[in-house]
Amino acid sequence: MRLIYRPFDTDRTVVSIRHHPITTVTINRIALAAYLGTSTTKLARMLRALEGDGVIRLLTPRHVEILEQAKLLG
């Protein structure tokens, strides 16, 4: 994954209104789930739970806005 910090990024396809970092997931969800040792279903549930808790915001299948970086790391 790579983090994109606004407003300096030239990629205008994904925009963060609040200037939070946005990460680009460079592998597909099957590979990400395998890397994390889980299933794609559980990965989707985890991502939705993080979004529901206000930690992340799913922008596209490959772009995730980090809203609460401290919570994500802790």
N, C-alpha and C. Protein backbone atom coordinates (compact mmCIF):
# COMPACT_ATOMS: atom_id res chain seq x y z
N MET A 1 0.84 -1.17 0.00
CA MET A 1 0.00 0.00 0.00
C MET A 1 0.89 1.24 0.00
N ARG A 2 0.39 2.28 -0.58
CA ARG A 2 1.12 3.54 -0.51
C ARG A 2 0.15 4.61 -0.04
N LEU A 3 0.67 5.54 0.74
CA LEU A 3 -0.18 6.62 1.24
C LEU A 3 -0.07 7.83 0.32
N ILE A 4 -1.18 8.47 0.10
CA ILE A 4 -1.24 9.68 -0.71
C ILE A 4 -1.68 10.80 0.23
N TYR A 5 -0.89 11.81 0.37
CA TYR A 5 -1.27 12.94 1.21
C TYR A 5 -1.71 14.10 0.34
N ARG A 6 -2.88 14.63 0.64
CA ARG A 6 -3.42 15.77 -0.09
C ARG A 6 -2.88 17.05 0.49
N PRO A 7 -2.77 18.12 -0.20
CA PRO A 7 -3.22 18.38 -1.58
C PRO A 7 -2.13 18.22 -2.62
N PHE A 8 -1.02 17.57 -2.32
CA PHE A 8 0.13 17.55 -3.21
C PHE A 8 0.09 16.47 -4.27
N ASP A 9 -0.82 15.52 -4.18
CA ASP A 9 -0.87 14.43 -5.13
C ASP A 9 -1.47 14.89 -6.45
N THR A 10 -0.91 14.40 -7.53
CA THR A 10 -1.42 14.78 -8.85
C THR A 10 -2.53 13.87 -9.33
N ASP A 11 -2.75 12.75 -8.65
CA ASP A 11 -3.83 11.83 -9.01
C ASP A 11 -5.15 12.42 -8.53
N ARG A 12 -5.94 12.94 -9.43
CA ARG A 12 -7.19 13.62 -9.07
C ARG A 12 -8.40 12.70 -9.17
N THR A 13 -8.18 11.38 -9.35
CA THR A 13 -9.32 10.47 -9.46
C THR A 13 -9.95 10.19 -8.11
N VAL A 14 -9.19 10.36 -7.03
CA VAL A 14 -9.70 10.15 -5.67
C VAL A 14 -9.36 11.39 -4.87
N VAL A 15 -10.36 11.98 -4.28
CA VAL A 15 -10.15 13.24 -3.56
C VAL A 15 -10.64 13.09 -2.12
N SER A 16 -9.81 13.55 -1.19
CA SER A 16 -10.19 13.59 0.21
C SER A 16 -10.58 15.01 0.55
N ILE A 17 -11.82 15.24 0.92
CA ILE A 17 -12.29 16.57 1.24
C ILE A 17 -11.61 17.08 2.51
N ARG A 18 -11.35 16.19 3.45
CA ARG A 18 -10.79 16.59 4.73
C ARG A 18 -9.26 16.52 4.78
N HIS A 19 -8.61 16.21 3.69
CA HIS A 19 -7.15 16.14 3.61
C HIS A 19 -6.57 15.05 4.50
N HIS A 20 -7.27 13.93 4.63
CA HIS A 20 -6.74 12.77 5.33
C HIS A 20 -5.90 11.98 4.35
N PRO A 21 -4.94 11.20 4.85
CA PRO A 21 -4.16 10.36 3.93
C PRO A 21 -5.05 9.31 3.29
N ILE A 22 -4.74 9.00 2.05
CA ILE A 22 -5.46 7.97 1.30
C ILE A 22 -4.44 6.92 0.90
N THR A 23 -4.78 5.67 1.15
CA THR A 23 -3.89 4.58 0.76
C THR A 23 -4.45 3.90 -0.48
N THR A 24 -3.56 3.51 -1.35
CA THR A 24 -3.92 2.75 -2.54
C THR A 24 -3.51 1.31 -2.32
N VAL A 25 -4.46 0.41 -2.36
CA VAL A 25 -4.19 -1.02 -2.21
C VAL A 25 -3.76 -1.54 -3.58
N THR A 26 -2.52 -2.01 -3.65
CA THR A 26 -1.96 -2.38 -4.95
C THR A 26 -2.17 -3.85 -5.31
N ILE A 27 -2.76 -4.63 -4.39
CA ILE A 27 -3.06 -6.03 -4.69
C ILE A 27 -4.57 -6.24 -4.57
N ASN A 28 -5.05 -7.31 -5.19
CA ASN A 28 -6.49 -7.55 -5.12
C ASN A 28 -6.88 -8.10 -3.76
N ARG A 29 -8.17 -8.14 -3.49
CA ARG A 29 -8.65 -8.55 -2.16
C ARG A 29 -8.37 -10.01 -1.86
N ILE A 30 -8.33 -10.85 -2.85
CA ILE A 30 -8.00 -12.27 -2.63
C ILE A 30 -6.58 -12.39 -2.12
N ALA A 31 -5.65 -11.70 -2.76
CA ALA A 31 -4.26 -11.73 -2.34
C ALA A 31 -4.08 -11.06 -0.97
N LEU A 32 -4.80 -9.98 -0.73
CA LEU A 32 -4.71 -9.29 0.57
C LEU A 32 -5.24 -10.18 1.69
N ALA A 33 -6.36 -10.85 1.46
CA ALA A 33 -6.91 -11.76 2.46
C ALA A 33 -5.93 -12.91 2.73
N ALA A 34 -5.34 -13.45 1.69
CA ALA A 34 -4.36 -14.53 1.88
C ALA A 34 -3.15 -14.04 2.67
N TYR A 35 -2.68 -12.84 2.37
CA TYR A 35 -1.54 -12.26 3.08
C TYR A 35 -1.86 -12.08 4.57
N LEU A 36 -3.10 -11.68 4.87
CA LEU A 36 -3.52 -11.47 6.25
C LEU A 36 -3.95 -12.77 6.94
N GLY A 37 -4.03 -13.85 6.18
CA GLY A 37 -4.42 -15.14 6.75
C GLY A 37 -5.89 -15.25 7.06
N THR A 38 -6.72 -14.66 6.22
CA THR A 38 -8.16 -14.69 6.44
C THR A 38 -8.86 -14.93 5.10
N SER A 39 -10.17 -14.97 5.12
CA SER A 39 -10.93 -15.14 3.88
C SER A 39 -11.34 -13.77 3.35
N THR A 40 -11.77 -13.73 2.11
CA THR A 40 -12.22 -12.47 1.53
C THR A 40 -13.49 -11.98 2.20
N THR A 41 -14.33 -12.90 2.66
CA THR A 41 -15.55 -12.52 3.37
C THR A 41 -15.22 -11.84 4.68
N LYS A 42 -14.29 -12.42 5.44
CA LYS A 42 -13.90 -11.83 6.72
C LYS A 42 -13.17 -10.50 6.50
N LEU A 43 -12.39 -10.41 5.45
CA LEU A 43 -11.71 -9.15 5.13
C LEU A 43 -12.74 -8.06 4.85
N ALA A 44 -13.76 -8.38 4.07
CA ALA A 44 -14.81 -7.40 3.77
C ALA A 44 -15.52 -6.97 5.05
N ARG A 45 -15.78 -7.93 5.94
CA ARG A 45 -16.43 -7.59 7.22
C ARG A 45 -15.54 -6.68 8.06
N MET A 46 -14.24 -6.97 8.09
CA MET A 46 -13.31 -6.15 8.86
C MET A 46 -13.26 -4.72 8.31
N LEU A 47 -13.23 -4.60 7.00
CA LEU A 47 -13.18 -3.27 6.39
C LEU A 47 -14.47 -2.49 6.68
N ARG A 48 -15.61 -3.17 6.58
CA ARG A 48 -16.88 -2.52 6.90
C ARG A 48 -16.95 -2.11 8.37
N ALA A 49 -16.41 -2.95 9.26
CA ALA A 49 -16.41 -2.62 10.69
C ALA A 49 -15.52 -1.40 10.95
N LEU A 50 -14.36 -1.34 10.31
CA LEU A 50 -13.49 -0.18 10.46
C LEU A 50 -14.16 1.08 9.92
N GLU A 51 -14.89 0.93 8.83
CA GLU A 51 -15.61 2.07 8.27
C GLU A 51 -16.75 2.49 9.21
N GLY A 52 -17.45 1.53 9.77
CA GLY A 52 -18.53 1.82 10.69
C GLY A 52 -18.05 2.50 11.97
N ASP A 53 -16.84 2.17 12.39
CA ASP A 53 -16.25 2.78 13.58
C ASP A 53 -15.62 4.15 13.30
N GLY A 54 -15.64 4.57 12.03
CA GLY A 54 -15.09 5.87 11.68
C GLY A 54 -13.58 5.91 11.59
N VAL A 55 -12.95 4.74 11.43
CA VAL A 55 -11.50 4.67 11.34
C VAL A 55 -11.04 4.89 9.90
N ILE A 56 -11.79 4.33 8.95
CA ILE A 56 -11.47 4.47 7.53
C ILE A 56 -12.73 4.86 6.77
N ARG A 57 -12.53 5.25 5.53
CA ARG A 57 -13.65 5.47 4.60
C ARG A 57 -13.26 4.80 3.30
N LEU A 58 -14.06 3.86 2.83
CA LEU A 58 -13.79 3.16 1.58
C LEU A 58 -14.24 4.05 0.43
N LEU A 59 -13.29 4.50 -0.36
CA LEU A 59 -13.60 5.39 -1.48
C LEU A 59 -13.89 4.60 -2.75
N THR A 60 -13.01 3.65 -3.04
CA THR A 60 -13.17 2.73 -4.17
C THR A 60 -12.65 1.38 -3.67
N PRO A 61 -12.78 0.32 -4.45
CA PRO A 61 -12.22 -0.95 -3.99
C PRO A 61 -10.70 -0.90 -3.73
N ARG A 62 -10.00 0.03 -4.32
CA ARG A 62 -8.55 0.12 -4.14
C ARG A 62 -8.07 1.37 -3.40
N HIS A 63 -8.98 2.25 -3.01
CA HIS A 63 -8.60 3.48 -2.32
C HIS A 63 -9.34 3.58 -0.99
N VAL A 64 -8.55 3.77 0.08
CA VAL A 64 -9.10 3.85 1.43
C VAL A 64 -8.58 5.13 2.08
N GLU A 65 -9.49 5.94 2.59
CA GLU A 65 -9.11 7.15 3.31
C GLU A 65 -8.93 6.79 4.78
N ILE A 66 -7.81 7.19 5.36
CA ILE A 66 -7.50 6.92 6.77
C ILE A 66 -8.02 8.10 7.58
N LEU A 67 -9.07 7.88 8.36
CA LEU A 67 -9.67 8.96 9.15
C LEU A 67 -9.06 9.06 10.54
N GLU A 68 -8.77 7.92 11.15
CA GLU A 68 -8.21 7.86 12.49
C GLU A 68 -6.98 6.96 12.48
N GLN A 69 -5.84 7.52 12.11
CA GLN A 69 -4.63 6.73 11.96
C GLN A 69 -4.18 6.11 13.28
N ALA A 70 -4.34 6.82 14.40
CA ALA A 70 -3.93 6.30 15.69
C ALA A 70 -4.73 5.03 16.06
N LYS A 71 -6.04 5.05 15.78
CA LYS A 71 -6.89 3.89 16.05
C LYS A 71 -6.52 2.72 15.14
N LEU A 72 -6.17 3.03 13.91
CA LEU A 72 -5.81 1.98 12.96
C LEU A 72 -4.52 1.30 13.38
N LEU A 73 -3.58 2.05 13.88
CA LEU A 73 -2.30 1.49 14.30
C LEU A 73 -2.35 0.83 15.67
N GLY A 74 -3.31 1.27 16.50
CA GLY A 74 -3.38 0.76 17.88
C GLY A 74 -4.18 -0.46 17.96
